[in-house]
Amino acid sequence: MPNPSTPQSTQWVDSVMNSLSLREKIAQLFMVAAYSNKDQVHVDEIADLVAREKIGGLCFFQGGPVRQAQLTNLYQSLAKTPLLISMDAEWGLGMRLDSTISYPRQIMLGALDDNRLIYHMAADIAHQLKRMGVHISFSPDVDINSNPNNPVIGFRSFGEEKEMVSQKGLAYMLGLQDNGIIACAKHFPGHGDTDTDSHFKLPKLNHSPERIDTLELYPFTKLIESGIAGVMVAHLEIPSLEPKAKLAASLSPKVVTSLLVEKLGFNGLIFTDALNMKGVSSFYKPTDLNYMALKAGNDILLFPSDVKASINKIEREVKKGRFPIGEIERRCRKVIEAKYSAGLENYKPIEISNLVEDLNQPSSELIIRDITKQAITVLKNLEEFIPIQGLDTQNIAYIEIGKDKGKAFREQMELYAPMATFSLDESAADEDIKNLKRQLEPYSLFIIGFHSIKTRPDRNFGITPQLASLVDEISQVKPTILAL
């Protein structure tokens, strides 16, 4: 990414800063949620915030690529200062947009031996983001997945080992930033060991500073040392770091300023996690919440509500001497420097023609295929049963759980040996399972394929007690291979 400290960048940044009033500098610190699948009322609301309030950026959520590109062009045309555009694109544009590619989740990337594949995937995502006029991806997620009951991180994490998470996060970060996209490590100081979803409640992390320093903080420290451009702060209650009850890390000067900036030496962009999440929004009215987030040390307020009233409040606090004007200047300058780094000093509208085709290149499917192939992992192989010997003498039954979802898997296996296929719905009734067990009696080997695994551990990943019992029962009587 371009270095913002060149004479050319300084001249552009200075000229932008000199053109902004105090109120407009405050507005540059607001990054509002935008959608390309909502009605004209929403479009008009965002357009008004851009044109009248002069907010600094947008974070796009659900919709479609062509509509988002058209809206980006519209909003950029209304902006006094070009907008920073961001997305949650942990597994690609497909995380938010239809007609685009979804790459493997980070938990699959955790199974790779070769981190160059992660770099190539992130670089590919970066090219697609740039084609969409997006400058920031809120990724990688470097939370350590140390709590198997975590309802919100889980498959979004690379895994439970801190060094591995750090190295894979670094590969992902470099893939983005080497290709012109601002990467943002999340969720600082670590959301992996919680059993509560901060979208709905405020999770509590009851660990000592020493434990947090040696485990949760480890990947963030490594990425900061390697030049990560952004960090997102989580909505977590951490009594050992912030003794005030129910005060989230994202609102705590002790966490944002003392720990992240002063102790760890981070000088990039600091983002709040979305401020509409119940982990913080249920405790404060929006104007107070947004002001507290700014006072804590965050540079950019993500998904704020009551934007106009919040800008007014912050401006009043500055004029009354309760919030240093120098901090507004410093943080606004960081945002404008990021805009220069993103190429916005020479902004050009997104070219709409061939957009969907450009976002769906065959080379991307090859990257996904390579990752999928390399990530296949044998978890247990008792008595070295795999690879299966004597295929021509085996009487094989393939049990497909998730009707019509295991076709490719089944067809590939049938290239090696004939087999009978039995399909079960994910919510199969007891009677269906009884019938299946009777039908399986003549077969000598069972292969069970689960093709509808869900992501929520608190719901047993979508595996019903009946299906779990079926697997346990038949594996006791015949050799059984379970594929997830």
Protein backbone atom coordinates (compact mmCIF):
# COMPACT_ATOMS: atom_id res chain seq x y z
CA MET A 1 0.00 0.00 0.00
CA PRO A 2 1.26 3.57 -0.69
CA ASN A 3 3.22 5.22 2.10
CA PRO A 4 1.18 8.16 3.45
CA SER A 5 4.30 10.07 4.57
CA THR A 6 5.58 11.19 1.16
CA PRO A 7 5.62 14.91 0.21
CA GLN A 8 2.77 14.28 -2.24
CA SER A 9 0.63 12.60 0.38
CA THR A 10 1.36 15.27 2.99
CA GLN A 11 0.30 17.97 0.55
CA TRP A 12 -2.98 16.20 -0.25
CA VAL A 13 -3.73 15.38 3.38
CA ASP A 14 -2.96 18.96 4.45
CA SER A 15 -5.23 20.37 1.75
CA VAL A 16 -8.12 18.13 2.81
CA MET A 17 -7.64 18.89 6.49
CA ASN A 18 -7.58 22.64 5.79
CA SER A 19 -10.85 22.36 3.87
CA LEU A 20 -12.75 20.76 6.78
CA SER A 21 -14.54 22.52 9.61
CA LEU A 22 -14.42 21.10 13.15
CA ARG A 23 -17.82 19.51 12.65
CA GLU A 24 -16.73 17.94 9.36
CA LYS A 25 -13.59 16.55 10.98
CA ILE A 26 -15.73 14.88 13.63
CA ALA A 27 -17.99 13.47 10.91
CA GLN A 28 -14.98 11.86 9.22
CA LEU A 29 -14.77 9.49 12.20
CA PHE A 30 -18.22 7.99 11.49
CA MET A 31 -18.57 4.87 9.29
CA VAL A 32 -22.25 4.13 8.68
CA ALA A 33 -23.89 0.85 7.64
CA ALA A 34 -25.17 0.74 4.06
CA TYR A 35 -27.14 -1.93 2.21
CA SER A 36 -27.72 -2.54 -1.48
CA ASN A 37 -30.88 -4.61 -0.92
CA LYS A 38 -32.96 -1.95 0.83
CA ASP A 39 -35.47 0.53 -0.49
CA GLN A 40 -35.14 4.12 -1.64
CA VAL A 41 -35.81 5.43 1.87
CA HIS A 42 -32.56 3.82 3.03
CA VAL A 43 -30.67 5.11 0.00
CA ASP A 44 -31.91 8.64 0.68
CA GLU A 45 -30.93 8.39 4.36
CA ILE A 46 -27.36 7.39 3.50
CA ALA A 47 -27.14 10.00 0.75
CA ASP A 48 -28.21 12.66 3.24
CA LEU A 49 -25.59 11.57 5.78
CA VAL A 50 -22.92 11.74 3.06
CA ALA A 51 -23.98 15.04 1.51
CA ARG A 52 -25.18 16.98 4.55
CA GLU A 53 -23.34 15.46 7.51
CA LYS A 54 -20.20 14.65 5.48
CA ILE A 55 -19.50 11.35 7.20
CA GLY A 56 -16.16 9.70 6.50
CA GLY A 57 -17.11 6.23 5.36
CA LEU A 58 -19.56 3.43 4.77
CA CYS A 59 -19.60 -0.27 5.63
CA PHE A 60 -21.64 -2.26 3.12
CA PHE A 61 -23.65 -5.25 4.26
CA GLN A 62 -26.16 -7.45 2.38
CA GLY A 63 -27.09 -6.94 -1.24
CA GLY A 64 -25.75 -7.52 -4.75
CA PRO A 65 -22.55 -6.45 -6.49
CA VAL A 66 -23.99 -4.32 -9.29
CA ARG A 67 -26.39 -2.46 -7.02
CA GLN A 68 -23.65 -1.89 -4.43
CA ALA A 69 -21.29 -0.55 -7.09
CA GLN A 70 -24.00 1.80 -8.38
CA LEU A 71 -24.70 3.04 -4.87
CA THR A 72 -21.01 3.46 -4.14
CA ASN A 73 -20.69 5.65 -7.23
CA LEU A 74 -23.72 7.66 -6.12
CA TYR A 75 -22.52 8.18 -2.56
CA GLN A 76 -18.98 9.03 -3.68
CA SER A 77 -20.38 11.65 -6.07
CA LEU A 78 -22.12 13.32 -3.13
CA ALA A 79 -19.09 13.30 -0.81
CA LYS A 80 -17.07 16.42 -0.13
CA THR A 81 -14.14 14.15 0.81
CA PRO A 82 -14.01 10.70 -0.83
CA LEU A 83 -15.50 7.98 1.36
CA LEU A 84 -13.64 5.05 2.87
CA ILE A 85 -15.65 1.97 1.90
CA SER A 86 -15.44 -1.17 4.01
CA MET A 87 -16.93 -4.65 4.16
CA ASP A 88 -16.91 -7.74 6.35
CA ALA A 89 -15.31 -10.07 3.81
CA GLU A 90 -13.73 -12.75 5.99
CA TRP A 91 -14.55 -15.43 3.43
CA GLY A 92 -14.89 -13.12 0.45
CA LEU A 93 -17.61 -10.98 -1.07
CA GLY A 94 -19.98 -13.94 -0.80
CA MET A 95 -20.18 -13.27 2.95
CA ARG A 96 -22.37 -10.27 2.08
CA LEU A 97 -23.25 -10.23 -1.62
CA ASP A 98 -25.13 -12.54 -3.95
CA SER A 99 -23.59 -13.55 -7.30
CA THR A 100 -20.09 -13.51 -5.79
CA ILE A 101 -17.58 -16.06 -4.53
CA SER A 102 -17.48 -17.52 -1.03
CA TYR A 103 -14.10 -18.91 -0.02
CA PRO A 104 -13.46 -21.45 2.75
CA ARG A 105 -13.99 -20.27 6.31
CA GLN A 106 -10.99 -19.62 8.50
CA ILE A 107 -11.46 -22.87 10.42
CA MET A 108 -10.70 -24.75 7.20
CA LEU A 109 -7.67 -22.53 6.57
CA GLY A 110 -6.47 -23.63 9.99
CA ALA A 111 -6.04 -27.16 8.61
CA LEU A 112 -3.60 -26.06 5.90
CA ASP A 113 0.12 -26.78 6.16
CA ASP A 114 0.98 -24.27 3.45
CA ASN A 115 0.08 -20.71 4.45
CA ARG A 116 0.87 -19.50 0.94
CA LEU A 117 -2.60 -20.74 0.01
CA ILE A 118 -4.06 -18.32 2.59
CA TYR A 119 -2.01 -15.51 1.09
CA HIS A 120 -3.28 -16.32 -2.41
CA MET A 121 -6.87 -16.47 -1.19
CA ALA A 122 -6.61 -13.11 0.58
CA ALA A 123 -4.91 -11.58 -2.46
CA ASP A 124 -7.76 -12.82 -4.65
CA ILE A 125 -10.31 -11.31 -2.25
CA ALA A 126 -8.33 -8.06 -2.32
CA HIS A 127 -8.58 -7.87 -6.12
CA GLN A 128 -12.33 -8.38 -5.94
CA LEU A 129 -12.72 -5.76 -3.20
CA LYS A 130 -10.76 -3.24 -5.27
CA ARG A 131 -12.94 -4.01 -8.28
CA MET A 132 -15.92 -3.16 -6.03
CA GLY A 133 -14.43 0.13 -4.85
CA VAL A 134 -13.89 -1.25 -1.32
CA HIS A 135 -10.83 -0.13 0.66
CA ILE A 136 -11.08 -2.00 4.00
CA SER A 137 -11.81 -5.62 4.86
CA PHE A 138 -12.62 -6.36 8.48
CA SER A 139 -10.38 -9.43 8.46
CA PRO A 140 -8.53 -11.52 9.49
CA ASP A 141 -10.22 -12.77 12.64
CA VAL A 142 -7.32 -13.64 14.95
CA ASP A 143 -9.38 -14.73 17.93
CA ILE A 144 -8.04 -17.94 19.45
CA ASN A 145 -10.83 -20.51 19.46
CA SER A 146 -10.16 -21.74 22.99
CA ASN A 147 -13.82 -22.19 23.99
CA PRO A 148 -15.62 -24.92 22.01
CA ASN A 149 -18.99 -23.47 23.08
CA ASN A 150 -18.31 -20.04 21.58
CA PRO A 151 -21.47 -19.16 19.62
CA VAL A 152 -20.03 -16.35 17.47
CA ILE A 153 -16.35 -17.07 16.71
CA GLY A 154 -15.93 -20.83 16.16
CA PHE A 155 -15.59 -21.42 12.42
CA ARG A 156 -14.42 -17.81 11.96
CA SER A 157 -11.19 -18.58 13.83
CA PHE A 158 -8.08 -20.28 12.45
CA GLY A 159 -7.96 -22.50 15.53
CA GLU A 160 -6.92 -22.85 19.15
CA GLU A 161 -3.10 -22.65 18.96
CA LYS A 162 -1.75 -19.11 19.28
CA GLU A 163 1.33 -19.45 17.06
CA MET A 164 -0.67 -21.07 14.28
CA VAL A 165 -3.38 -18.41 14.49
CA SER A 166 -0.71 -15.72 14.33
CA GLN A 167 1.05 -17.16 11.28
CA LYS A 168 -2.15 -17.72 9.35
CA GLY A 169 -3.44 -14.30 10.31
CA LEU A 170 -0.19 -12.80 9.05
CA ALA A 171 -0.50 -14.59 5.70
CA TYR A 172 -4.08 -13.33 5.35
CA MET A 173 -3.07 -9.78 6.33
CA LEU A 174 -0.23 -9.68 3.81
CA GLY A 175 -2.46 -11.03 1.05
CA LEU A 176 -4.79 -8.08 1.58
CA GLN A 177 -2.31 -5.31 2.24
CA ASP A 178 0.19 -6.30 -0.47
CA ASN A 179 -2.69 -5.82 -2.89
CA GLY A 180 -3.93 -2.45 -1.69
CA ILE A 181 -6.61 -3.35 0.88
CA ILE A 182 -6.49 -2.19 4.50
CA ALA A 183 -6.61 -5.27 6.74
CA CYS A 184 -8.19 -5.13 10.19
CA ALA A 185 -7.41 -7.69 12.90
CA LYS A 186 -10.33 -8.51 15.20
CA HIS A 187 -11.75 -8.77 17.87
CA PHE A 188 -9.24 -7.10 20.21
CA PRO A 189 -8.19 -8.10 22.83
CA GLY A 190 -9.64 -11.55 22.02
CA HIS A 191 -13.18 -12.90 21.69
CA GLY A 192 -12.31 -16.61 21.48
CA ASP A 193 -12.94 -17.73 25.06
CA THR A 194 -16.53 -16.58 25.50
CA ASP A 195 -19.83 -18.44 25.46
CA THR A 196 -21.97 -15.37 24.75
CA ASP A 197 -22.60 -13.62 21.44
CA SER A 198 -21.89 -9.88 21.74
CA HIS A 199 -24.47 -9.20 19.04
CA PHE A 200 -27.06 -9.94 21.73
CA LYS A 201 -25.39 -9.62 25.16
CA LEU A 202 -22.15 -8.35 26.69
CA PRO A 203 -19.79 -11.34 27.08
CA LYS A 204 -17.51 -11.49 30.11
CA LEU A 205 -13.89 -12.62 29.95
CA ASN A 206 -12.70 -13.61 33.43
CA HIS A 207 -8.98 -13.99 32.85
CA SER A 208 -5.99 -12.39 34.49
CA PRO A 209 -3.90 -9.79 32.61
CA GLU A 210 -1.07 -12.34 32.52
CA ARG A 211 -3.24 -14.97 30.82
CA ILE A 212 -4.63 -12.41 28.33
CA ASP A 213 -1.14 -11.15 27.57
CA THR A 214 0.25 -14.62 26.86
CA LEU A 215 -2.72 -16.05 24.91
CA GLU A 216 -5.48 -13.73 23.64
CA LEU A 217 -3.15 -10.82 22.83
CA TYR A 218 -0.46 -12.93 21.18
CA PRO A 219 -1.77 -12.85 17.57
CA PHE A 220 -2.58 -9.14 17.79
CA THR A 221 0.93 -8.40 19.02
CA LYS A 222 2.47 -10.36 16.13
CA LEU A 223 0.31 -8.64 13.50
CA ILE A 224 0.96 -5.20 14.98
CA GLU A 225 4.69 -5.90 14.80
CA SER A 226 4.22 -6.88 11.15
CA GLY A 227 2.36 -3.71 10.15
CA ILE A 228 -1.36 -4.45 10.32
CA ALA A 229 -3.19 -1.29 9.24
CA GLY A 230 -6.33 -1.70 11.38
CA VAL A 231 -7.57 -3.26 14.61
CA MET A 232 -11.20 -3.72 15.65
CA VAL A 233 -12.00 -3.57 19.37
CA ALA A 234 -14.55 -6.02 20.78
CA HIS A 235 -17.56 -5.48 22.99
CA LEU A 236 -16.31 -7.56 25.94
CA GLU A 237 -16.44 -7.05 29.68
CA ILE A 238 -12.95 -7.82 31.03
CA PRO A 239 -12.76 -7.02 34.77
CA SER A 240 -8.99 -7.54 34.99
CA LEU A 241 -8.40 -4.86 32.35
CA GLU A 242 -11.37 -2.55 33.06
CA PRO A 243 -12.73 -2.76 36.62
CA LYS A 244 -15.86 -0.74 35.92
CA ALA A 245 -18.78 -3.18 35.68
CA LYS A 246 -20.48 -3.56 32.29
CA LEU A 247 -18.03 -1.22 30.57
CA ALA A 248 -17.06 -2.92 27.32
CA ALA A 249 -13.46 -3.02 26.12
CA SER A 250 -14.53 -0.96 23.10
CA LEU A 251 -15.54 1.87 25.46
CA SER A 252 -12.62 1.58 27.87
CA PRO A 253 -9.66 4.01 27.67
CA LYS A 254 -7.70 1.42 29.66
CA VAL A 255 -8.12 -1.13 26.85
CA VAL A 256 -8.14 1.05 23.73
CA THR A 257 -5.60 3.73 24.69
CA SER A 258 -3.50 2.31 27.53
CA LEU A 259 -3.24 -1.28 26.24
CA LEU A 260 -3.60 -1.15 22.45
CA VAL A 261 -1.93 2.19 21.72
CA GLU A 262 0.49 2.80 24.58
CA LYS A 263 1.55 -0.71 25.62
CA LEU A 264 1.38 -2.50 22.25
CA GLY A 265 2.43 0.55 20.23
CA PHE A 266 -0.32 0.34 17.64
CA ASN A 267 -0.51 3.48 15.51
CA GLY A 268 -2.91 2.34 12.77
CA LEU A 269 -6.66 2.80 12.53
CA ILE A 270 -8.71 1.69 15.54
CA PHE A 271 -12.30 0.66 14.78
CA THR A 272 -15.06 -0.12 17.21
CA ASP A 273 -17.01 -3.27 16.58
CA ALA A 274 -20.51 -2.40 15.34
CA LEU A 275 -22.09 0.02 17.80
CA ASN A 276 -25.60 -1.29 17.15
CA MET A 277 -24.70 -4.60 18.84
CA LYS A 278 -26.61 -5.29 22.05
CA GLY A 279 -23.35 -5.86 23.92
CA VAL A 280 -23.09 -2.05 24.14
CA SER A 281 -26.25 -0.52 22.67
CA SER A 282 -28.47 -1.96 25.41
CA PHE A 283 -26.63 0.08 28.05
CA TYR A 284 -26.46 3.59 26.55
CA LYS A 285 -28.38 5.89 24.27
CA PRO A 286 -26.61 6.31 20.90
CA THR A 287 -25.26 9.83 21.42
CA ASP A 288 -23.64 8.83 24.72
CA LEU A 289 -22.39 5.55 23.30
CA ASN A 290 -20.72 7.19 20.31
CA TYR A 291 -19.11 9.84 22.49
CA MET A 292 -17.81 7.22 24.94
CA ALA A 293 -16.34 5.18 22.08
CA LEU A 294 -14.49 8.24 20.84
CA LYS A 295 -13.25 9.15 24.33
CA ALA A 296 -11.92 5.61 24.77
CA GLY A 297 -9.50 6.20 21.89
CA ASN A 298 -11.20 4.68 18.83
CA ASP A 299 -10.54 6.40 15.50
CA ILE A 300 -13.58 5.19 13.58
CA LEU A 301 -17.06 4.53 14.98
CA LEU A 302 -18.58 1.63 13.09
CA PHE A 303 -22.35 1.28 12.57
CA PRO A 304 -23.31 4.28 14.76
CA SER A 305 -26.91 5.38 15.26
CA ASP A 306 -28.26 8.94 15.58
CA VAL A 307 -25.31 10.25 13.59
CA LYS A 308 -26.33 13.90 13.33
CA ALA A 309 -27.14 14.20 17.04
CA SER A 310 -23.91 12.40 17.93
CA ILE A 311 -21.79 14.75 15.83
CA ASN A 312 -23.56 17.68 17.49
CA LYS A 313 -22.84 16.28 20.95
CA ILE A 314 -19.15 15.68 20.25
CA GLU A 315 -18.80 19.16 18.76
CA ARG A 316 -20.37 20.68 21.90
CA GLU A 317 -18.03 18.69 24.15
CA VAL A 318 -15.01 19.88 22.17
CA LYS A 319 -16.10 23.52 22.28
CA LYS A 320 -16.67 23.24 26.05
CA GLY A 321 -13.15 21.90 26.49
CA ARG A 322 -14.27 18.44 27.64
CA PHE A 323 -12.73 16.68 24.65
CA PRO A 324 -9.37 17.85 23.23
CA ILE A 325 -9.64 19.42 19.79
CA GLY A 326 -6.14 18.09 19.15
CA GLU A 327 -7.49 14.52 19.39
CA ILE A 328 -10.12 15.28 16.75
CA GLU A 329 -7.40 16.73 14.52
CA ARG A 330 -5.09 13.75 15.06
CA ARG A 331 -7.71 11.08 14.43
CA CYS A 332 -9.21 12.85 11.46
CA ARG A 333 -5.74 13.13 9.97
CA LYS A 334 -5.26 9.37 10.39
CA VAL A 335 -8.50 8.80 8.47
CA ILE A 336 -7.48 11.17 5.67
CA GLU A 337 -4.06 9.52 5.47
CA ALA A 338 -5.80 6.16 5.13
CA LYS A 339 -7.85 7.60 2.28
CA TYR A 340 -4.64 8.61 0.54
CA SER A 341 -3.21 5.11 1.12
CA ALA A 342 -6.38 3.69 -0.44
CA GLY A 343 -5.86 5.77 -3.57
CA LEU A 344 -8.71 8.19 -2.94
CA GLU A 345 -6.63 11.22 -3.85
CA ASN A 346 -7.29 10.07 -7.41
CA TYR A 347 -10.80 8.68 -7.03
CA LYS A 348 -12.46 7.11 -10.08
CA PRO A 349 -16.02 5.69 -10.22
CA ILE A 350 -16.47 1.92 -10.40
CA GLU A 351 -16.85 0.57 -13.92
CA ILE A 352 -20.15 -1.32 -13.92
CA SER A 353 -19.79 -3.22 -17.20
CA ASN A 354 -18.57 -6.83 -16.82
CA LEU A 355 -18.56 -6.42 -13.04
CA VAL A 356 -20.12 -9.79 -12.15
CA GLU A 357 -17.90 -11.57 -14.66
CA ASP A 358 -14.79 -9.91 -13.25
CA LEU A 359 -15.76 -11.02 -9.74
CA ASN A 360 -16.21 -14.66 -10.78
CA GLN A 361 -12.96 -15.68 -12.41
CA PRO A 362 -12.07 -19.38 -12.97
CA SER A 363 -8.76 -18.76 -11.19
CA SER A 364 -10.68 -18.15 -7.97
CA GLU A 365 -12.29 -21.58 -8.17
CA LEU A 366 -8.84 -23.11 -8.59
CA ILE A 367 -7.70 -21.43 -5.37
CA ILE A 368 -10.75 -22.81 -3.55
CA ARG A 369 -10.10 -26.27 -4.99
CA ASP A 370 -6.46 -26.20 -3.86
CA ILE A 371 -7.44 -25.11 -0.35
CA THR A 372 -10.16 -27.74 -0.09
CA LYS A 373 -7.85 -30.49 -1.29
CA GLN A 374 -5.03 -29.53 1.07
CA ALA A 375 -7.34 -29.02 4.07
CA ILE A 376 -8.75 -32.56 4.13
CA THR A 377 -7.77 -33.96 7.51
CA VAL A 378 -7.94 -37.48 8.92
CA LEU A 379 -8.94 -37.00 12.55
CA LYS A 380 -8.83 -40.65 13.57
CA ASN A 381 -7.73 -43.77 11.72
CA LEU A 382 -8.00 -46.74 14.08
CA GLU A 383 -6.00 -49.77 12.99
CA GLU A 384 -4.99 -47.90 9.82
CA PHE A 385 -8.35 -48.67 8.25
CA ILE A 386 -7.93 -45.83 5.71
CA PRO A 387 -7.15 -46.26 2.84
CA ILE A 388 -9.74 -49.00 2.48
CA GLN A 389 -8.28 -52.31 1.31
CA GLY A 390 -10.00 -54.84 -0.94
CA LEU A 391 -12.55 -52.49 -2.46
CA ASP A 392 -13.67 -55.19 -4.91
CA THR A 393 -14.72 -57.45 -2.02
CA GLN A 394 -16.44 -54.84 0.16
CA ASN A 395 -20.21 -54.44 0.25
CA ILE A 396 -20.38 -50.69 0.86
CA ALA A 397 -23.33 -48.59 2.02
CA TYR A 398 -23.07 -44.82 1.73
CA ILE A 399 -25.38 -42.95 4.11
CA GLU A 400 -25.95 -39.41 2.89
CA ILE A 401 -27.23 -37.11 5.63
CA GLY A 402 -28.59 -33.99 3.99
CA LYS A 403 -30.59 -35.17 0.97
CA ASP A 404 -29.23 -34.19 -2.45
CA LYS A 405 -26.29 -32.31 -0.87
CA GLY A 406 -23.65 -35.02 -1.15
CA LYS A 407 -23.90 -35.73 -4.88
CA ALA A 408 -20.35 -34.69 -5.81
CA PHE A 409 -18.87 -36.62 -2.86
CA ARG A 410 -20.82 -39.74 -3.79
CA GLU A 411 -19.96 -39.55 -7.49
CA GLN A 412 -16.27 -39.26 -6.68
CA MET A 413 -16.36 -42.32 -4.42
CA GLU A 414 -18.22 -44.33 -7.07
CA LEU A 415 -15.23 -43.93 -9.38
CA TYR A 416 -13.39 -46.32 -7.05
CA ALA A 417 -16.05 -48.81 -5.99
CA PRO A 418 -19.77 -49.51 -6.39
CA MET A 419 -21.91 -48.70 -3.38
CA ALA A 420 -25.53 -48.48 -2.33
CA THR A 421 -26.72 -45.01 -1.34
CA PHE A 422 -29.21 -44.25 1.43
CA SER A 423 -30.35 -40.69 2.07
CA LEU A 424 -31.60 -39.16 5.29
CA ASP A 425 -32.95 -35.72 5.97
CA GLU A 426 -31.11 -33.69 8.61
CA SER A 427 -34.25 -33.86 10.75
CA ALA A 428 -35.04 -37.52 10.06
CA ALA A 429 -37.77 -39.01 12.22
CA ASP A 430 -37.23 -42.06 14.45
CA GLU A 431 -39.20 -44.28 12.06
CA ASP A 432 -36.98 -43.26 9.11
CA ILE A 433 -33.87 -44.14 11.10
CA LYS A 434 -35.31 -47.53 12.13
CA ASN A 435 -36.07 -48.35 8.50
CA LEU A 436 -32.55 -47.35 7.49
CA LYS A 437 -30.94 -49.60 10.10
CA ARG A 438 -32.90 -52.58 8.77
CA GLN A 439 -31.77 -51.81 5.23
CA LEU A 440 -28.12 -51.57 6.29
CA GLU A 441 -27.90 -55.10 7.72
CA PRO A 442 -26.46 -56.84 4.58
CA TYR A 443 -23.57 -54.39 4.16
CA SER A 444 -20.02 -54.85 5.43
CA LEU A 445 -18.80 -51.23 5.43
CA PHE A 446 -20.56 -47.95 6.15
CA ILE A 447 -19.51 -44.51 4.93
CA ILE A 448 -21.52 -41.70 6.52
CA GLY A 449 -21.43 -38.25 4.97
CA PHE A 450 -22.75 -35.26 6.91
CA HIS A 451 -23.43 -32.55 4.31
CA SER A 452 -25.38 -30.03 6.35
CA ILE A 453 -23.14 -29.23 9.30
CA LYS A 454 -24.15 -25.97 10.97
CA THR A 455 -21.86 -23.51 12.73
CA ARG A 456 -23.48 -23.27 16.19
CA PRO A 457 -21.91 -25.49 18.87
CA ASP A 458 -24.78 -24.75 21.25
CA ARG A 459 -27.05 -26.50 18.73
CA ASN A 460 -24.65 -29.43 18.33
CA PHE A 461 -23.75 -28.19 14.83
CA GLY A 462 -27.17 -29.22 13.55
CA ILE A 463 -26.66 -32.90 14.40
CA THR A 464 -29.77 -34.17 16.15
CA PRO A 465 -29.55 -36.67 19.05
CA GLN A 466 -31.21 -39.24 16.77
CA LEU A 467 -28.49 -38.91 14.11
CA ALA A 468 -25.72 -38.98 16.72
CA SER A 469 -27.23 -42.17 18.16
CA LEU A 470 -27.43 -43.70 14.67
CA VAL A 471 -23.73 -43.08 14.04
CA ASP A 472 -22.77 -44.49 17.42
CA GLU A 473 -24.94 -47.57 17.05
CA ILE A 474 -23.93 -48.67 13.56
CA SER A 475 -20.25 -47.95 14.16
CA GLN A 476 -20.35 -50.52 17.00
CA VAL A 477 -21.31 -53.36 14.66
CA LYS A 478 -19.58 -52.64 11.31
CA PRO A 479 -16.49 -50.72 10.15
CA THR A 480 -17.63 -47.12 9.72
CA ILE A 481 -16.07 -44.02 8.16
CA LEU A 482 -17.52 -40.67 9.13
CA ALA A 483 -16.94 -37.76 6.73
CA LEU A 484 -17.84 -34.19 7.78
